[in-house]
Amino acid sequence: QVQLVESGGGLVQAGGSLRLSCAASGSIFSINTMGWYRQAPGPQRELVARITSDGSTNYADSVKGRFTISRDNAKNTVYLQLQMSSLKAEDTAVYYCNADTITGPGHGYRYWGQGTQVTVSS
């Protein structure tokens, strides 16, 4: 099991910056890819950014050049950050930390944090 705890959301004006953090604990040795997703009002949860265990990253087109994902593997905790700059009103959403684990050939689990609200005022 992996536990994910997010922090850092809030209210910011358009053009401003925020930094989201996520602390992963538990069976962190099994974590492969981690990422940030967001969900505005509605059913769709979209990928914002993702980082693999070897540091490879990919971003949604809408955030490229504005957001930066990073990952720090400590002894008992993995820290995932999302630095968000030049924020726009359309970035307003609940942001979720995600961890995908590998537990065996073809097996793994997906874990989610509780979500943190980001509101960008225009």
N, C-alpha and C. Protein backbone atom coordinates (compact mmCIF):
# COMPACT_ATOMS: atom_id res chain seq x y z
N GLN A 1 0.85 -1.20 0.00
CA GLN A 1 0.00 0.00 0.00
C GLN A 1 0.87 1.24 0.00
N VAL A 2 0.39 2.25 -0.70
CA VAL A 2 1.07 3.55 -0.76
C VAL A 2 0.08 4.60 -0.29
N GLN A 3 0.55 5.47 0.58
CA GLN A 3 -0.26 6.59 1.03
C GLN A 3 0.28 7.87 0.41
N LEU A 4 -0.63 8.71 -0.08
CA LEU A 4 -0.27 9.96 -0.73
C LEU A 4 -0.96 11.11 -0.01
N VAL A 5 -0.18 12.10 0.39
CA VAL A 5 -0.72 13.26 1.08
C VAL A 5 -0.28 14.52 0.34
N GLU A 6 -1.24 15.28 -0.13
CA GLU A 6 -0.95 16.48 -0.92
C GLU A 6 -1.04 17.72 -0.05
N SER A 7 -0.36 18.77 -0.50
CA SER A 7 -0.46 20.07 0.14
C SER A 7 -0.10 21.15 -0.87
N GLY A 8 -0.45 22.38 -0.56
CA GLY A 8 0.01 23.50 -1.36
C GLY A 8 -1.01 24.17 -2.24
N GLY A 9 -2.23 23.68 -2.27
CA GLY A 9 -3.23 24.35 -3.09
C GLY A 9 -3.66 25.66 -2.48
N GLY A 10 -4.51 26.38 -3.19
CA GLY A 10 -5.00 27.65 -2.67
C GLY A 10 -5.53 28.54 -3.75
N LEU A 11 -5.69 29.81 -3.38
CA LEU A 11 -6.22 30.82 -4.29
C LEU A 11 -5.08 31.72 -4.74
N VAL A 12 -5.01 31.96 -6.03
CA VAL A 12 -3.95 32.80 -6.59
C VAL A 12 -4.52 33.60 -7.74
N GLN A 13 -3.95 34.77 -7.98
CA GLN A 13 -4.39 35.57 -9.11
C GLN A 13 -3.78 35.05 -10.40
N ALA A 14 -4.45 35.31 -11.50
CA ALA A 14 -3.92 34.93 -12.80
C ALA A 14 -2.54 35.54 -12.99
N GLY A 15 -1.63 34.72 -13.54
CA GLY A 15 -0.25 35.15 -13.71
C GLY A 15 0.64 34.79 -12.55
N GLY A 16 0.05 34.35 -11.45
CA GLY A 16 0.82 34.00 -10.27
C GLY A 16 1.33 32.58 -10.31
N SER A 17 1.92 32.17 -9.18
CA SER A 17 2.54 30.85 -9.08
C SER A 17 2.07 30.13 -7.82
N LEU A 18 2.08 28.82 -7.90
CA LEU A 18 1.81 27.95 -6.76
C LEU A 18 2.69 26.72 -6.88
N ARG A 19 2.97 26.13 -5.72
CA ARG A 19 3.75 24.89 -5.71
C ARG A 19 2.95 23.85 -4.95
N LEU A 20 2.67 22.74 -5.63
CA LEU A 20 1.98 21.62 -4.99
C LEU A 20 3.01 20.57 -4.58
N SER A 21 2.75 19.95 -3.44
CA SER A 21 3.62 18.90 -2.95
C SER A 21 2.81 17.66 -2.62
N CYS A 22 3.44 16.52 -2.76
CA CYS A 22 2.81 15.24 -2.44
C CYS A 22 3.86 14.36 -1.79
N ALA A 23 3.53 13.82 -0.62
CA ALA A 23 4.44 12.92 0.07
C ALA A 23 3.88 11.51 -0.01
N ALA A 24 4.68 10.61 -0.54
CA ALA A 24 4.29 9.21 -0.68
C ALA A 24 5.01 8.38 0.36
N SER A 25 4.26 7.56 1.08
CA SER A 25 4.85 6.70 2.10
C SER A 25 4.26 5.30 1.96
N GLY A 26 4.82 4.38 2.71
CA GLY A 26 4.35 2.99 2.62
C GLY A 26 5.29 2.19 1.74
N SER A 27 4.74 1.45 0.81
CA SER A 27 5.53 0.59 -0.08
C SER A 27 6.11 1.37 -1.24
N ILE A 28 6.94 2.35 -0.90
CA ILE A 28 7.44 3.26 -1.94
C ILE A 28 8.41 2.57 -2.89
N PHE A 29 8.97 1.43 -2.48
CA PHE A 29 9.90 0.71 -3.35
C PHE A 29 9.20 0.21 -4.61
N SER A 30 7.87 0.08 -4.53
CA SER A 30 7.11 -0.45 -5.67
C SER A 30 6.62 0.65 -6.62
N ILE A 31 6.89 1.92 -6.26
CA ILE A 31 6.39 3.01 -7.10
C ILE A 31 7.20 3.11 -8.38
N ASN A 32 6.50 3.19 -9.51
CA ASN A 32 7.14 3.40 -10.79
C ASN A 32 6.90 4.85 -11.23
N THR A 33 5.77 5.12 -11.79
CA THR A 33 5.45 6.45 -12.29
C THR A 33 4.60 7.20 -11.28
N MET A 34 4.88 8.50 -11.16
CA MET A 34 4.04 9.38 -10.35
C MET A 34 3.58 10.55 -11.22
N GLY A 35 2.49 11.12 -10.83
CA GLY A 35 2.00 12.22 -11.65
C GLY A 35 0.99 13.09 -10.93
N TRP A 36 0.62 14.15 -11.61
CA TRP A 36 -0.44 15.05 -11.16
C TRP A 36 -1.55 15.04 -12.19
N TYR A 37 -2.75 14.90 -11.71
CA TYR A 37 -3.94 14.99 -12.54
C TYR A 37 -4.80 16.12 -11.97
N ARG A 38 -5.73 16.59 -12.77
CA ARG A 38 -6.64 17.60 -12.29
C ARG A 38 -8.05 17.33 -12.81
N GLN A 39 -9.01 17.83 -12.03
CA GLN A 39 -10.42 17.64 -12.39
C GLN A 39 -11.18 18.91 -12.09
N ALA A 40 -11.61 19.55 -13.14
CA ALA A 40 -12.51 20.69 -13.02
C ALA A 40 -13.92 20.14 -12.84
N PRO A 41 -14.89 20.95 -12.51
CA PRO A 41 -16.26 20.43 -12.38
C PRO A 41 -16.67 19.63 -13.60
N GLY A 42 -17.04 18.37 -13.40
CA GLY A 42 -17.34 17.47 -14.49
C GLY A 42 -16.67 16.13 -14.25
N PRO A 43 -16.94 15.18 -15.12
CA PRO A 43 -16.48 13.81 -14.87
C PRO A 43 -15.04 13.54 -15.27
N GLN A 44 -14.43 14.37 -16.08
CA GLN A 44 -13.13 14.05 -16.64
C GLN A 44 -11.98 14.47 -15.73
N ARG A 45 -11.08 13.54 -15.48
CA ARG A 45 -9.83 13.84 -14.77
C ARG A 45 -8.72 13.75 -15.81
N GLU A 46 -7.97 14.83 -15.95
CA GLU A 46 -6.97 14.86 -17.01
C GLU A 46 -5.55 14.87 -16.44
N LEU A 47 -4.66 14.27 -17.21
CA LEU A 47 -3.25 14.27 -16.83
C LEU A 47 -2.67 15.66 -16.98
N VAL A 48 -1.94 16.10 -15.98
CA VAL A 48 -1.23 17.37 -16.04
C VAL A 48 0.24 17.12 -16.35
N ALA A 49 0.87 16.27 -15.56
CA ALA A 49 2.29 15.97 -15.74
C ALA A 49 2.59 14.64 -15.09
N ARG A 50 3.64 13.98 -15.60
CA ARG A 50 3.97 12.66 -15.11
C ARG A 50 5.48 12.51 -15.11
N ILE A 51 6.01 11.75 -14.17
CA ILE A 51 7.45 11.52 -14.10
C ILE A 51 7.70 10.06 -13.74
N THR A 52 8.61 9.44 -14.47
CA THR A 52 8.91 8.04 -14.23
C THR A 52 10.02 7.90 -13.18
N SER A 53 10.30 6.67 -12.81
CA SER A 53 11.32 6.41 -11.79
C SER A 53 12.71 6.83 -12.26
N ASP A 54 12.92 6.90 -13.57
CA ASP A 54 14.23 7.32 -14.09
C ASP A 54 14.26 8.80 -14.43
N GLY A 55 13.19 9.51 -14.09
CA GLY A 55 13.19 10.96 -14.26
C GLY A 55 12.62 11.48 -15.56
N SER A 56 12.15 10.61 -16.42
CA SER A 56 11.53 11.07 -17.67
C SER A 56 10.19 11.72 -17.37
N THR A 57 9.92 12.83 -18.04
CA THR A 57 8.70 13.59 -17.78
C THR A 57 7.89 13.78 -19.05
N ASN A 58 6.59 13.95 -18.86
CA ASN A 58 5.76 14.43 -19.95
C ASN A 58 4.65 15.29 -19.37
N TYR A 59 4.19 16.22 -20.19
CA TYR A 59 3.24 17.24 -19.76
C TYR A 59 2.08 17.35 -20.72
N ALA A 60 0.95 17.75 -20.19
CA ALA A 60 -0.16 18.11 -21.06
C ALA A 60 0.24 19.33 -21.87
N ASP A 61 -0.22 19.42 -23.10
CA ASP A 61 0.13 20.55 -23.94
C ASP A 61 -0.26 21.88 -23.29
N SER A 62 -1.35 21.86 -22.56
CA SER A 62 -1.86 23.10 -21.98
C SER A 62 -0.97 23.68 -20.88
N VAL A 63 -0.05 22.89 -20.36
CA VAL A 63 0.79 23.37 -19.26
C VAL A 63 2.27 23.39 -19.61
N LYS A 64 2.62 22.95 -20.78
CA LYS A 64 4.03 22.94 -21.18
C LYS A 64 4.61 24.34 -21.13
N GLY A 65 5.79 24.44 -20.55
CA GLY A 65 6.44 25.74 -20.42
C GLY A 65 6.01 26.53 -19.20
N ARG A 66 4.95 26.09 -18.54
CA ARG A 66 4.46 26.81 -17.36
C ARG A 66 4.60 25.98 -16.08
N PHE A 67 4.46 24.67 -16.20
CA PHE A 67 4.50 23.78 -15.04
C PHE A 67 5.76 22.92 -15.11
N THR A 68 6.29 22.59 -13.94
CA THR A 68 7.44 21.71 -13.85
C THR A 68 7.19 20.67 -12.76
N ILE A 69 7.33 19.41 -13.13
CA ILE A 69 7.18 18.32 -12.18
C ILE A 69 8.56 17.84 -11.75
N SER A 70 8.68 17.49 -10.47
CA SER A 70 9.95 16.97 -9.97
C SER A 70 9.68 15.93 -8.89
N ARG A 71 10.69 15.13 -8.65
CA ARG A 71 10.53 13.99 -7.74
C ARG A 71 11.80 13.81 -6.94
N ASP A 72 11.66 13.59 -5.64
CA ASP A 72 12.81 13.41 -4.76
C ASP A 72 12.60 12.13 -3.96
N ASN A 73 13.46 11.16 -4.20
CA ASN A 73 13.35 9.88 -3.52
C ASN A 73 14.19 9.89 -2.26
N ALA A 74 13.55 10.07 -1.11
CA ALA A 74 14.23 10.00 0.18
C ALA A 74 14.15 8.57 0.70
N LYS A 75 14.67 8.36 1.92
CA LYS A 75 14.78 7.00 2.44
C LYS A 75 13.43 6.33 2.59
N ASN A 76 12.50 6.97 3.25
CA ASN A 76 11.21 6.35 3.54
C ASN A 76 10.03 7.08 2.88
N THR A 77 10.33 8.12 2.14
CA THR A 77 9.28 8.93 1.54
C THR A 77 9.71 9.37 0.15
N VAL A 78 8.77 9.41 -0.75
CA VAL A 78 9.00 10.00 -2.07
C VAL A 78 8.22 11.31 -2.13
N TYR A 79 8.91 12.37 -2.47
CA TYR A 79 8.28 13.69 -2.56
C TYR A 79 8.09 14.06 -4.02
N LEU A 80 6.88 14.43 -4.35
CA LEU A 80 6.54 14.85 -5.71
C LEU A 80 6.09 16.30 -5.65
N GLN A 81 6.64 17.14 -6.51
CA GLN A 81 6.25 18.54 -6.55
C GLN A 81 5.74 18.93 -7.94
N LEU A 82 4.92 19.92 -7.94
CA LEU A 82 4.48 20.53 -9.19
C LEU A 82 4.59 22.03 -9.01
N GLN A 83 5.54 22.63 -9.70
CA GLN A 83 5.70 24.07 -9.69
C GLN A 83 4.87 24.65 -10.82
N MET A 84 3.92 25.49 -10.46
CA MET A 84 3.00 26.04 -11.46
C MET A 84 3.23 27.54 -11.55
N SER A 85 3.47 28.02 -12.76
CA SER A 85 3.72 29.44 -12.99
C SER A 85 2.79 29.94 -14.08
N SER A 86 2.70 31.26 -14.18
CA SER A 86 1.84 31.88 -15.20
C SER A 86 0.46 31.25 -15.21
N LEU A 87 -0.10 31.12 -14.03
CA LEU A 87 -1.38 30.43 -13.89
C LEU A 87 -2.49 31.17 -14.59
N LYS A 88 -3.42 30.41 -15.13
CA LYS A 88 -4.57 30.93 -15.85
C LYS A 88 -5.85 30.46 -15.15
N ALA A 89 -6.91 31.17 -15.45
CA ALA A 89 -8.19 30.80 -14.85
C ALA A 89 -8.57 29.36 -15.19
N GLU A 90 -8.21 28.93 -16.37
CA GLU A 90 -8.55 27.56 -16.79
C GLU A 90 -7.72 26.48 -16.09
N ASP A 91 -6.75 26.88 -15.29
CA ASP A 91 -6.02 25.92 -14.46
C ASP A 91 -6.77 25.58 -13.18
N THR A 92 -7.85 26.29 -12.93
CA THR A 92 -8.65 26.05 -11.73
C THR A 92 -9.21 24.63 -11.75
N ALA A 93 -8.92 23.87 -10.71
CA ALA A 93 -9.37 22.48 -10.62
C ALA A 93 -8.93 21.90 -9.27
N VAL A 94 -9.40 20.72 -9.01
CA VAL A 94 -8.84 19.93 -7.91
C VAL A 94 -7.69 19.12 -8.49
N TYR A 95 -6.54 19.22 -7.87
CA TYR A 95 -5.34 18.54 -8.35
C TYR A 95 -5.08 17.30 -7.48
N TYR A 96 -4.84 16.19 -8.15
CA TYR A 96 -4.63 14.91 -7.48
C TYR A 96 -3.23 14.38 -7.77
N CYS A 97 -2.58 13.94 -6.72
CA CYS A 97 -1.32 13.22 -6.84
C CYS A 97 -1.62 11.75 -7.14
N ASN A 98 -0.81 11.16 -7.95
CA ASN A 98 -1.03 9.77 -8.37
C ASN A 98 0.28 8.99 -8.31
N ALA A 99 0.18 7.74 -7.94
CA ALA A 99 1.35 6.85 -7.98
C ALA A 99 0.92 5.52 -8.57
N ASP A 100 1.68 5.07 -9.54
CA ASP A 100 1.47 3.75 -10.14
C ASP A 100 2.58 2.83 -9.69
N THR A 101 2.20 1.68 -9.16
CA THR A 101 3.20 0.74 -8.65
C THR A 101 3.31 -0.48 -9.55
N ILE A 102 4.43 -1.16 -9.40
CA ILE A 102 4.63 -2.44 -10.06
C ILE A 102 4.89 -3.45 -8.96
N THR A 103 4.03 -4.46 -8.88
CA THR A 103 4.16 -5.47 -7.83
C THR A 103 4.58 -6.83 -8.38
N GLY A 104 4.63 -6.95 -9.69
CA GLY A 104 5.02 -8.19 -10.34
C GLY A 104 4.80 -8.05 -11.83
N PRO A 105 5.20 -9.06 -12.59
CA PRO A 105 5.02 -8.99 -14.05
C PRO A 105 3.57 -8.74 -14.42
N GLY A 106 3.32 -7.61 -14.99
CA GLY A 106 1.97 -7.28 -15.43
C GLY A 106 1.00 -6.91 -14.32
N HIS A 107 1.53 -6.68 -13.12
CA HIS A 107 0.64 -6.37 -12.00
C HIS A 107 1.08 -5.08 -11.31
N GLY A 108 0.13 -4.34 -10.85
CA GLY A 108 0.41 -3.12 -10.11
C GLY A 108 -0.88 -2.49 -9.68
N TYR A 109 -0.73 -1.37 -8.97
CA TYR A 109 -1.88 -0.66 -8.46
C TYR A 109 -1.72 0.83 -8.75
N ARG A 110 -2.84 1.52 -8.75
CA ARG A 110 -2.85 2.96 -8.92
C ARG A 110 -3.41 3.56 -7.63
N TYR A 111 -2.69 4.51 -7.09
CA TYR A 111 -3.09 5.18 -5.87
C TYR A 111 -3.32 6.66 -6.15
N TRP A 112 -4.23 7.22 -5.36
CA TRP A 112 -4.57 8.63 -5.50
C TRP A 112 -4.50 9.32 -4.14
N GLY A 113 -4.08 10.59 -4.19
CA GLY A 113 -4.20 11.42 -3.01
C GLY A 113 -5.61 11.93 -2.86
N GLN A 114 -5.82 12.72 -1.83
CA GLN A 114 -7.16 13.19 -1.52
C GLN A 114 -7.56 14.39 -2.36
N GLY A 115 -6.61 15.01 -3.01
CA GLY A 115 -6.90 16.17 -3.85
C GLY A 115 -6.69 17.48 -3.12
N THR A 116 -6.24 18.48 -3.85
CA THR A 116 -6.06 19.81 -3.30
C THR A 116 -6.60 20.83 -4.31
N GLN A 117 -7.38 21.77 -3.81
CA GLN A 117 -8.03 22.73 -4.69
C GLN A 117 -7.07 23.84 -5.09
N VAL A 118 -7.04 24.12 -6.39
CA VAL A 118 -6.31 25.27 -6.93
C VAL A 118 -7.33 26.17 -7.61
N THR A 119 -7.41 27.40 -7.18
CA THR A 119 -8.33 28.36 -7.77
C THR A 119 -7.54 29.56 -8.26
N VAL A 120 -7.70 29.87 -9.54
CA VAL A 120 -7.01 31.00 -10.16
C VAL A 120 -8.05 32.05 -10.51
N SER A 121 -7.92 33.22 -9.91
CA SER A 121 -8.88 34.29 -10.17
C SER A 121 -8.38 35.15 -11.32
N SER A 122 -9.30 35.52 -12.17
CA SER A 122 -8.92 36.33 -13.34
C SER A 122 -9.17 37.81 -13.10
